[in-house]
Amino acid sequence: MDDAFDLVVIGAGPGGYVAAIRAGQLGLKTAIIEREALGGICLNWGCIPTKALLKSGEVYEGLSHLADYGLSVEGRAYDFTAVIERSRKVAQQLSAGVAFLMKKHKVTVVDGNARLEAASGAPRVWVDLKGGGERVLTGKAVILATGARAREIPQIGLAGDGERIWTYRDAMTPKAAPKSLLVIGSGAIGIEFASFYRALGAEVTVIEALDRILPLEDEEIGGAARQAFERRGLVFRTAAKVTKLAKTKTGVAADLEADGKTERLEADAAIVAVGIVANLEGLGVEALGLTLDRGHVVVGPSGATNITGLYAIGDVAGAPWLAHKAMHEAVRCVEHIAGVAEAHLASPIPACTYSEPQIASVGLTEAAAKAAGREVKVGRFPFRVNGKAIAQGETTGMIKTVFDAGTGALIGAHMVGSEVTELIQGFTLAMTLEATEEDIFATVFPHPTLSEVMHEASLAAYGRPLHI
């Protein structure tokens, strides 16, 4: 006899486990299926442990600037094994926390690989259990929250081998820190690893096929970030196509094409960060007739797919591939299933890159707004004249705002600098509440804080900055 539930969630990453929690809160009998560890890639191999690595790198690199603060230290060094172990302990702690939350909300956890089978209502879920055997689950609704994995292109060698050619997962647990590193791809993942390994002293070259780094960010912000990275010693090769990546006797070699010329770069190791692909293999979605677009599940506003009773959220449902987007979709999807709220997924979604300096953004870039035919007012304000930034010795970067000239609505905000990933939520809230320039002007920003630059950048869009 099948195990019957109100909701079956496949995948226990941020989207999946949040969906299960919200379902439990709403009184739905819920099961969640996970083939690896609770918390998914984000908590175990992505968002969280990478931030632990980046913090270690930040602290170590900061030791070389102690004289700027009237301090000194002798014998600066790092224990790479201990750095990696700390990162893994952080991941394990949070995964255990998810297990606690599942128990708290009376969610049944099933360890194994799921596959879907057509049924009269929502698809039936078969689970190949980790401990052996099978289990069959039925639900009034099923949510796919299976996430995504690193995109690889084995035809030209862009595939991780766990030794010298790494995916993001390999890059988190190498046996030793490389002295030189190639990073292929300059999105958030590539830039974060480039920043971390550079902080430990590696010679890092980032290769990007497009003509600029951080191609999803505002071009002006991406340019400012590049200048800051180059001051730290990072090297960039843009408009450069990797035609082959291969292991050598001592490391790796990448063949490039750029400006009509070919070139070979060598290093101890390489990280492949050229995008991600949805985790749909083995689920039986082809037999169900699930509609896909470029390898991702096509969904409606509530996360509903073209299959009755089947929903999809998070990375498996397409861009933006962000954990907080998955969690937001999870809550909205479950509330729709439970019939307690209208489906609504249109809230602005911020993006963050946790490098040194950090990059954060929400809404439209200046170029995207103009391409959409909107007349805009743009403000800019640097951290170099902000009192808190000067006191901290962290004056790199700027904040840029984009307002609709006709309505005064804030439609985009873009930042590069210290702790901007903590600042962006202020503008995200403003956009969610449909704030205008007057609302932001009238808001009191505490002094001295980095957040004052948000106020000044807004004032600057209307020719009213106070401190420059």
Protein backbone atom coordinates (compact mmCIF):
# COMPACT_ATOMS: atom_id res chain seq x y z
CA MET A 1 0.00 0.00 0.00
CA ASP A 2 1.30 3.48 -0.90
CA ASP A 3 2.30 6.01 1.75
CA ALA A 4 -0.26 8.79 1.38
CA PHE A 5 0.59 12.45 2.00
CA ASP A 6 -0.89 15.84 1.29
CA LEU A 7 2.42 16.96 -0.19
CA VAL A 8 5.56 15.19 -1.38
CA VAL A 9 8.67 17.32 -1.90
CA ILE A 10 11.56 15.98 -3.96
CA GLY A 11 14.83 17.62 -2.97
CA ALA A 12 15.81 19.05 0.43
CA GLY A 13 17.76 22.11 -0.60
CA PRO A 14 16.62 25.63 0.40
CA GLY A 15 13.53 25.47 -1.79
CA GLY A 16 12.55 21.96 -0.79
CA TYR A 17 13.07 22.14 2.95
CA VAL A 18 11.39 25.55 3.19
CA ALA A 19 8.42 24.17 1.25
CA ALA A 20 8.22 21.29 3.74
CA ILE A 21 8.41 23.65 6.72
CA ARG A 22 5.67 25.92 5.38
CA ALA A 23 3.52 22.89 4.58
CA GLY A 24 3.98 21.63 8.14
CA GLN A 25 2.99 25.02 9.50
CA LEU A 26 -0.19 24.87 7.43
CA GLY A 27 -1.05 21.42 8.74
CA LEU A 28 -0.27 19.45 5.58
CA LYS A 29 0.98 15.90 6.01
CA THR A 30 4.33 16.19 4.23
CA ALA A 31 7.20 13.99 3.09
CA ILE A 32 10.53 15.17 1.72
CA ILE A 33 12.93 13.02 -0.32
CA GLU A 34 16.67 13.67 -0.45
CA ARG A 35 19.34 11.58 -2.17
CA GLU A 36 22.35 13.15 -0.43
CA ALA A 37 22.25 15.45 2.62
CA LEU A 38 19.53 17.67 4.03
CA GLY A 39 20.15 21.26 2.97
CA GLY A 40 21.06 20.28 -0.58
CA ILE A 41 23.91 21.83 -2.51
CA CYS A 42 23.47 25.26 -0.93
CA LEU A 43 24.02 24.28 2.68
CA ASN A 44 26.46 21.45 1.99
CA TRP A 45 28.45 22.45 -1.11
CA GLY A 46 27.45 25.96 -2.12
CA CYS A 47 26.11 29.10 -0.46
CA ILE A 48 27.15 28.43 3.12
CA PRO A 49 30.49 26.58 3.08
CA THR A 50 31.84 28.91 0.39
CA LYS A 51 31.15 31.84 2.70
CA ALA A 52 33.15 30.09 5.41
CA LEU A 53 36.07 29.76 2.98
CA LEU A 54 35.73 33.39 1.90
CA LYS A 55 35.77 34.54 5.52
CA SER A 56 38.97 32.63 6.18
CA GLY A 57 40.49 34.22 3.09
CA GLU A 58 39.32 37.69 4.13
CA VAL A 59 40.84 37.37 7.59
CA TYR A 60 44.14 36.04 6.23
CA GLU A 61 44.44 38.72 3.55
CA GLY A 62 43.51 41.38 6.10
CA LEU A 63 46.54 40.46 8.19
CA SER A 64 48.76 41.96 5.49
CA HIS A 65 47.11 45.35 6.05
CA LEU A 66 47.39 45.52 9.84
CA ALA A 67 49.89 48.38 9.68
CA ASP A 68 47.11 50.55 8.24
CA TYR A 69 45.36 50.20 11.61
CA GLY A 70 48.44 50.69 13.79
CA LEU A 71 48.79 46.95 14.40
CA SER A 72 51.37 44.28 13.60
CA VAL A 73 51.69 40.51 13.60
CA GLU A 74 54.54 38.07 13.10
CA GLY A 75 54.49 34.78 11.28
CA ARG A 76 51.40 35.20 9.08
CA ALA A 77 50.41 31.74 7.82
CA TYR A 78 47.46 29.49 7.15
CA ASP A 79 46.66 25.81 7.62
CA PHE A 80 44.78 24.89 4.45
CA THR A 81 43.46 21.63 5.88
CA ALA A 82 42.04 23.50 8.86
CA VAL A 83 40.47 26.09 6.56
CA ILE A 84 38.68 23.34 4.64
CA GLU A 85 37.68 21.50 7.83
CA ARG A 86 36.10 24.64 9.27
CA SER A 87 34.05 25.05 6.11
CA ARG A 88 32.85 21.44 6.30
CA LYS A 89 31.92 21.78 10.00
CA VAL A 90 29.81 24.84 9.20
CA ALA A 91 27.99 22.85 6.50
CA GLN A 92 27.42 19.89 8.83
CA GLN A 93 26.04 22.13 11.56
CA LEU A 94 23.47 23.67 9.24
CA SER A 95 22.49 20.33 7.71
CA ALA A 96 21.83 19.05 11.22
CA GLY A 97 19.74 22.15 11.79
CA VAL A 98 17.54 21.27 8.83
CA ALA A 99 17.05 17.77 10.26
CA PHE A 100 15.86 19.39 13.49
CA LEU A 101 13.42 21.60 11.59
CA MET A 102 12.00 18.61 9.71
CA LYS A 103 11.36 16.86 13.01
CA LYS A 104 9.90 20.00 14.57
CA HIS A 105 7.37 20.39 11.74
CA LYS A 106 6.54 16.67 11.61
CA VAL A 107 7.92 16.21 8.10
CA THR A 108 8.70 12.62 7.06
CA VAL A 109 12.23 12.44 5.66
CA VAL A 110 12.91 9.73 3.07
CA ASP A 111 16.52 9.09 2.03
CA GLY A 112 16.84 7.92 -1.55
CA ASN A 113 16.43 8.64 -5.26
CA ALA A 114 12.97 9.57 -6.50
CA ARG A 115 11.29 8.90 -9.81
CA LEU A 116 7.85 9.91 -11.00
CA GLU A 117 5.10 7.79 -12.47
CA ALA A 118 1.87 9.01 -14.02
CA ALA A 119 -1.22 8.60 -11.85
CA SER A 120 -4.84 9.76 -11.86
CA GLY A 121 -3.95 12.88 -9.82
CA ALA A 122 -0.48 14.10 -9.00
CA PRO A 123 2.31 11.76 -10.13
CA ARG A 124 3.11 8.79 -7.91
CA VAL A 125 6.64 8.91 -6.43
CA TRP A 126 8.84 5.81 -6.29
CA VAL A 127 11.91 6.01 -4.07
CA ASP A 128 14.97 3.79 -4.36
CA LEU A 129 15.96 3.86 -0.71
CA LYS A 130 19.57 4.42 0.36
CA GLY A 131 19.35 1.44 2.66
CA GLY A 132 17.96 -0.77 -0.09
CA GLY A 133 14.45 -1.54 -1.28
CA GLU A 134 11.72 0.75 -2.54
CA ARG A 135 9.03 2.95 -1.10
CA VAL A 136 6.05 4.39 -2.94
CA LEU A 137 4.63 7.76 -1.93
CA THR A 138 1.48 9.46 -3.16
CA GLY A 139 0.54 13.06 -2.59
CA LYS A 140 -2.26 15.40 -3.48
CA ALA A 141 0.58 17.56 -4.80
CA VAL A 142 4.25 16.97 -5.61
CA ILE A 143 6.93 19.66 -5.69
CA LEU A 144 10.13 19.22 -7.68
CA ALA A 145 12.94 21.04 -5.86
CA THR A 146 15.87 19.05 -7.20
CA GLY A 147 18.16 22.00 -7.87
CA ALA A 148 20.99 22.09 -10.38
CA ARG A 149 24.63 21.13 -10.80
CA ALA A 150 27.70 22.53 -12.54
CA ARG A 151 27.52 22.63 -16.34
CA GLU A 152 30.34 20.74 -17.98
CA ILE A 153 31.56 20.58 -21.58
CA PRO A 154 33.58 17.37 -21.75
CA GLN A 155 34.18 17.70 -25.51
CA ILE A 156 36.77 20.40 -24.83
CA GLY A 157 37.86 19.21 -21.40
CA LEU A 158 35.60 21.43 -19.30
CA ALA A 159 34.66 18.61 -16.95
CA GLY A 160 35.78 18.11 -13.37
CA ASP A 161 38.09 15.22 -12.55
CA GLY A 162 38.41 15.96 -8.83
CA GLU A 163 42.19 16.33 -9.10
CA ARG A 164 43.28 19.27 -11.22
CA ILE A 165 40.14 20.25 -13.12
CA TRP A 166 37.50 21.26 -10.61
CA THR A 167 33.83 22.05 -10.46
CA TYR A 168 32.69 24.23 -7.55
CA ARG A 169 32.34 21.08 -5.45
CA ASP A 170 35.90 19.96 -6.10
CA ALA A 171 37.20 23.47 -5.42
CA MET A 172 35.87 23.31 -1.87
CA THR A 173 37.86 20.30 -0.71
CA PRO A 174 41.20 20.05 -2.56
CA LYS A 175 44.08 18.37 -0.78
CA ALA A 176 46.29 21.45 -1.14
CA ALA A 177 45.94 25.08 -2.12
CA PRO A 178 47.18 25.73 -5.67
CA LYS A 179 49.92 28.26 -6.26
CA SER A 180 48.36 29.17 -9.60
CA LEU A 181 44.78 28.80 -10.78
CA LEU A 182 42.67 29.28 -13.90
CA VAL A 183 39.00 30.13 -13.38
CA ILE A 184 36.85 29.62 -16.47
CA GLY A 185 33.78 31.81 -16.16
CA SER A 186 33.32 35.13 -14.36
CA GLY A 187 29.85 34.79 -12.91
CA ALA A 188 29.28 34.80 -9.15
CA ILE A 189 30.68 31.29 -8.59
CA GLY A 190 33.84 31.86 -10.58
CA ILE A 191 34.51 35.27 -9.04
CA GLU A 192 34.00 34.02 -5.47
CA PHE A 193 36.49 31.18 -5.88
CA ALA A 194 38.92 33.49 -7.67
CA SER A 195 38.66 35.91 -4.74
CA PHE A 196 39.18 33.18 -2.14
CA TYR A 197 42.23 31.58 -3.70
CA ARG A 198 43.77 34.97 -4.46
CA ALA A 199 43.35 35.88 -0.79
CA LEU A 200 45.49 32.84 0.07
CA GLY A 201 48.19 34.05 -2.33
CA ALA A 202 47.50 32.07 -5.51
CA GLU A 203 48.17 33.63 -8.91
CA VAL A 204 44.66 33.61 -10.39
CA THR A 205 43.60 34.21 -13.99
CA VAL A 206 39.89 34.47 -14.79
CA ILE A 207 38.86 33.65 -18.37
CA GLU A 208 35.55 35.02 -19.67
CA ALA A 209 34.10 34.47 -23.16
CA LEU A 210 32.16 37.74 -23.08
CA ASP A 211 33.78 41.16 -23.25
CA ARG A 212 33.32 41.93 -19.55
CA ILE A 213 33.24 40.15 -16.22
CA LEU A 214 30.11 39.67 -14.12
CA PRO A 215 27.97 39.90 -17.28
CA LEU A 216 24.65 39.83 -15.40
CA GLU A 217 25.57 42.90 -13.35
CA ASP A 218 25.32 46.55 -14.32
CA GLU A 219 28.23 47.22 -16.67
CA GLU A 220 29.51 50.19 -14.66
CA ILE A 221 29.48 48.19 -11.43
CA GLY A 222 31.19 45.25 -13.13
CA GLY A 223 33.90 47.60 -14.39
CA ALA A 224 34.46 49.06 -10.93
CA ALA A 225 34.64 45.55 -9.46
CA ARG A 226 37.20 44.51 -12.07
CA GLN A 227 39.44 47.46 -11.19
CA ALA A 228 39.25 46.53 -7.51
CA PHE A 229 40.03 42.87 -8.25
CA GLU A 230 42.99 43.84 -10.41
CA ARG A 231 44.39 45.94 -7.57
CA ARG A 232 44.37 42.73 -5.52
CA GLY A 233 46.36 40.99 -8.24
CA LEU A 234 43.65 39.09 -10.10
CA VAL A 235 44.20 38.80 -13.86
CA PHE A 236 41.33 38.80 -16.35
CA ARG A 237 41.14 37.58 -19.93
CA THR A 238 37.84 38.73 -21.42
CA ALA A 239 36.50 38.07 -24.91
CA ALA A 240 38.55 34.87 -24.72
CA LYS A 241 37.15 31.48 -25.70
CA VAL A 242 38.56 28.27 -24.19
CA THR A 243 38.92 25.75 -27.00
CA LYS A 244 40.58 23.02 -24.93
CA LEU A 245 41.42 22.30 -21.31
CA ALA A 246 43.67 19.39 -20.43
CA LYS A 247 45.85 18.05 -17.66
CA THR A 248 49.61 18.26 -18.00
CA LYS A 249 52.36 16.52 -16.04
CA THR A 250 52.38 19.32 -13.49
CA GLY A 251 48.96 20.90 -13.72
CA VAL A 252 46.57 22.04 -16.45
CA ALA A 253 46.77 23.89 -19.75
CA ALA A 254 44.02 25.91 -21.42
CA ASP A 255 44.06 26.83 -25.10
CA LEU A 256 42.40 30.19 -25.80
CA GLU A 257 41.17 32.08 -28.83
CA ALA A 258 41.09 35.86 -28.49
CA ASP A 259 41.35 38.66 -31.05
CA GLY A 260 41.93 36.11 -33.79
CA LYS A 261 44.94 34.67 -32.01
CA THR A 262 45.55 31.48 -30.07
CA GLU A 263 47.31 31.24 -26.73
CA ARG A 264 48.01 28.66 -24.04
CA LEU A 265 47.78 29.36 -20.32
CA GLU A 266 49.08 26.95 -17.68
CA ALA A 267 48.42 26.63 -13.96
CA ASP A 268 48.36 24.13 -11.12
CA ALA A 269 44.58 23.69 -11.39
CA ALA A 270 41.47 25.03 -13.09
CA ILE A 271 37.91 25.69 -11.94
CA VAL A 272 35.10 25.23 -14.46
CA ALA A 273 32.35 27.76 -13.69
CA VAL A 274 30.43 28.04 -16.97
CA GLY A 275 26.88 27.78 -15.71
CA ILE A 276 24.59 25.12 -14.29
CA VAL A 277 22.11 22.51 -15.54
CA ALA A 278 18.92 21.35 -13.86
CA ASN A 279 18.86 18.03 -11.97
CA LEU A 280 16.19 16.09 -13.84
CA GLU A 281 17.99 12.86 -14.69
CA GLY A 282 16.35 9.66 -13.47
CA LEU A 283 13.10 11.38 -12.47
CA GLY A 284 11.07 10.07 -15.38
CA VAL A 285 10.00 13.52 -16.56
CA GLU A 286 10.22 12.51 -20.22
CA ALA A 287 7.63 9.77 -19.82
CA LEU A 288 5.34 12.19 -17.99
CA GLY A 289 5.55 14.70 -20.83
CA LEU A 290 6.78 17.49 -18.56
CA THR A 291 7.33 20.71 -20.51
CA LEU A 292 10.92 21.95 -20.45
CA ASP A 293 12.69 25.00 -21.84
CA ARG A 294 16.45 24.73 -22.36
CA GLY A 295 16.63 21.96 -19.80
CA HIS A 296 14.58 23.65 -17.08
CA VAL A 297 10.98 23.05 -16.03
CA VAL A 298 8.43 25.53 -17.36
CA VAL A 299 6.19 26.81 -14.56
CA GLY A 300 3.34 29.24 -14.04
CA PRO A 301 3.10 31.99 -11.41
CA SER A 302 2.40 29.50 -8.59
CA GLY A 303 5.07 27.04 -9.69
CA ALA A 304 2.55 24.77 -11.42
CA THR A 305 3.80 22.69 -14.36
CA ASN A 306 1.79 21.30 -17.26
CA ILE A 307 1.27 18.06 -15.27
CA THR A 308 -1.69 17.99 -12.90
CA GLY A 309 -0.58 18.22 -9.27
CA LEU A 310 3.11 18.66 -10.13
CA TYR A 311 4.96 21.86 -9.21
CA ALA A 312 8.57 23.00 -9.55
CA ILE A 313 10.56 25.62 -7.66
CA GLY A 314 14.13 26.88 -7.41
CA ASP A 315 17.01 26.15 -9.77
CA VAL A 316 15.21 23.33 -11.55
CA ALA A 317 12.63 25.91 -12.69
CA GLY A 318 15.19 28.26 -14.21
CA ALA A 319 16.87 31.58 -13.59
CA PRO A 320 17.75 33.31 -11.42
CA TRP A 321 19.56 30.39 -9.81
CA LEU A 322 19.53 31.71 -6.25
CA ALA A 323 18.70 30.03 -2.96
CA HIS A 324 16.59 32.93 -1.71
CA LYS A 325 14.56 32.86 -4.92
CA ALA A 326 13.91 29.15 -4.29
CA MET A 327 12.83 29.80 -0.69
CA HIS A 328 10.50 32.62 -1.78
CA GLU A 329 8.97 30.41 -4.46
CA ALA A 330 8.61 27.58 -1.93
CA VAL A 331 6.44 29.60 0.43
CA ARG A 332 4.28 31.01 -2.33
CA CYS A 333 3.87 27.61 -3.99
CA VAL A 334 2.85 25.82 -0.80
CA GLU A 335 0.43 28.58 0.17
CA HIS A 336 -1.15 28.27 -3.27
CA ILE A 337 -1.44 24.49 -2.87
CA ALA A 338 -3.01 24.94 0.56
CA GLY A 339 -5.42 27.54 -0.79
CA VAL A 340 -4.49 30.23 1.72
CA ALA A 341 -3.00 32.85 -0.60
CA GLU A 342 -2.98 33.95 -4.21
CA ALA A 343 0.01 32.92 -6.27
CA HIS A 344 2.50 35.78 -6.52
CA LEU A 345 6.15 35.44 -7.44
CA ALA A 346 6.84 38.93 -8.80
CA SER A 347 8.77 40.35 -5.83
CA PRO A 348 12.20 41.77 -6.79
CA ILE A 349 15.00 39.27 -6.25
CA PRO A 350 18.43 40.59 -5.19
CA ALA A 351 21.68 39.02 -6.40
CA CYS A 352 24.88 38.87 -4.35
CA THR A 353 28.51 37.98 -5.02
CA TYR A 354 30.55 37.52 -1.82
CA SER A 355 33.98 38.37 -3.17
CA GLU A 356 36.33 41.10 -1.95
CA PRO A 357 34.91 43.61 -2.70
CA GLN A 358 31.33 42.35 -2.68
CA ILE A 359 28.78 42.98 -5.44
CA ALA A 360 25.02 43.22 -4.97
CA SER A 361 22.10 44.28 -7.14
CA VAL A 362 18.33 44.28 -7.48
CA GLY A 363 16.03 45.27 -10.31
CA LEU A 364 16.94 46.66 -13.72
CA THR A 365 20.38 47.76 -14.80
CA GLU A 366 20.65 51.18 -16.41
CA ALA A 367 21.10 49.55 -19.82
CA ALA A 368 18.13 47.20 -19.37
CA ALA A 369 15.86 50.04 -18.30
CA LYS A 370 16.81 52.13 -21.32
CA ALA A 371 16.44 49.13 -23.63
CA ALA A 372 12.90 48.73 -22.30
CA GLY A 373 12.17 52.28 -23.41
CA ARG A 374 12.10 53.80 -19.95
CA GLU A 375 13.38 57.29 -19.24
CA VAL A 376 15.56 57.07 -16.16
CA LYS A 377 17.36 59.15 -13.58
CA VAL A 378 20.63 57.60 -12.41
CA GLY A 379 22.49 58.38 -9.19
CA ARG A 380 26.00 57.40 -8.13
CA PHE A 381 27.84 57.85 -4.86
CA PRO A 382 31.27 56.50 -3.82
CA PHE A 383 32.21 54.93 -0.50
CA ARG A 384 35.46 56.94 -0.45
CA VAL A 385 33.70 59.96 1.07
CA ASN A 386 31.57 58.02 3.56
CA GLY A 387 32.66 58.47 7.19
CA LYS A 388 32.13 54.85 8.27
CA ALA A 389 33.96 53.51 5.20
CA ILE A 390 36.91 55.81 5.86
CA ALA A 391 37.01 54.81 9.54
CA GLN A 392 36.99 51.13 8.56
CA GLY A 393 39.62 51.61 5.88
CA GLU A 394 37.24 50.10 3.30
CA THR A 395 36.58 52.87 0.80
CA THR A 396 36.50 50.85 -2.42
CA GLY A 397 33.35 50.92 -4.49
CA MET A 398 30.13 52.78 -5.06
CA ILE A 399 26.34 52.54 -5.09
CA LYS A 400 24.28 53.27 -8.19
CA THR A 401 20.53 53.85 -8.30
CA VAL A 402 18.11 53.80 -11.22
CA PHE A 403 14.77 55.61 -10.94
CA ASP A 404 11.90 55.87 -13.39
CA ALA A 405 11.97 59.54 -14.42
CA GLY A 406 8.22 59.72 -14.85
CA THR A 407 6.97 58.05 -11.68
CA GLY A 408 9.96 58.38 -9.36
CA ALA A 409 9.85 54.64 -8.69
CA LEU A 410 13.12 52.96 -7.74
CA ILE A 411 13.57 50.32 -10.46
CA GLY A 412 17.18 49.25 -9.90
CA ALA A 413 20.05 49.44 -7.43
CA HIS A 414 23.61 48.24 -7.92
CA MET A 415 26.53 48.14 -5.50
CA VAL A 416 30.17 47.21 -5.20
CA GLY A 417 32.04 47.58 -1.93
CA SER A 418 32.37 46.36 1.63
CA GLU A 419 29.37 44.45 3.00
CA VAL A 420 27.06 45.56 0.19
CA THR A 421 25.40 42.14 0.30
CA GLU A 422 23.99 43.26 3.66
CA LEU A 423 22.90 46.65 2.30
CA ILE A 424 21.00 45.53 -0.80
CA GLN A 425 18.00 44.35 1.22
CA GLY A 426 17.15 47.97 2.02
CA PHE A 427 16.60 48.75 -1.63
CA THR A 428 14.88 45.38 -2.17
CA LEU A 429 12.35 46.28 0.51
CA ALA A 430 11.90 49.73 -1.00
CA MET A 431 11.13 48.20 -4.41
CA THR A 432 8.78 45.61 -2.91
CA LEU A 433 6.86 48.44 -1.23
CA GLU A 434 6.95 50.42 -4.51
CA ALA A 435 8.84 53.29 -2.92
CA THR A 436 9.48 56.49 -4.86
CA GLU A 437 12.42 58.84 -4.62
CA GLU A 438 10.54 60.99 -2.11
CA ASP A 439 10.02 58.00 0.19
CA ILE A 440 13.75 57.29 0.18
CA PHE A 441 14.67 60.97 0.58
CA ALA A 442 12.41 61.13 3.67
CA THR A 443 13.91 58.03 5.26
CA VAL A 444 16.39 58.62 8.10
CA PHE A 445 19.63 56.68 7.60
CA PRO A 446 21.71 56.24 10.77
CA HIS A 447 25.09 57.93 11.03
CA PRO A 448 27.79 56.80 10.73
CA THR A 449 26.88 53.81 8.56
CA LEU A 450 27.66 52.51 5.10
CA SER A 451 23.91 52.70 4.44
CA GLU A 452 24.22 56.48 4.16
CA VAL A 453 25.69 55.88 0.70
CA MET A 454 22.32 54.40 -0.30
CA HIS A 455 20.66 57.67 0.68
CA GLU A 456 23.27 59.77 -1.09
CA ALA A 457 23.06 57.68 -4.30
CA SER A 458 19.30 58.23 -4.32
CA LEU A 459 19.70 61.97 -3.75
CA ALA A 460 22.35 62.07 -6.47
CA ALA A 461 19.88 60.80 -9.07
CA TYR A 462 18.02 64.07 -8.59
CA GLY A 463 21.06 66.32 -8.26
CA ARG A 464 20.80 66.59 -4.48
CA PRO A 465 23.77 64.72 -2.91
CA LEU A 466 24.87 66.24 0.39
CA HIS A 467 28.42 65.05 0.95
CA ILE A 468 30.16 65.41 -2.39
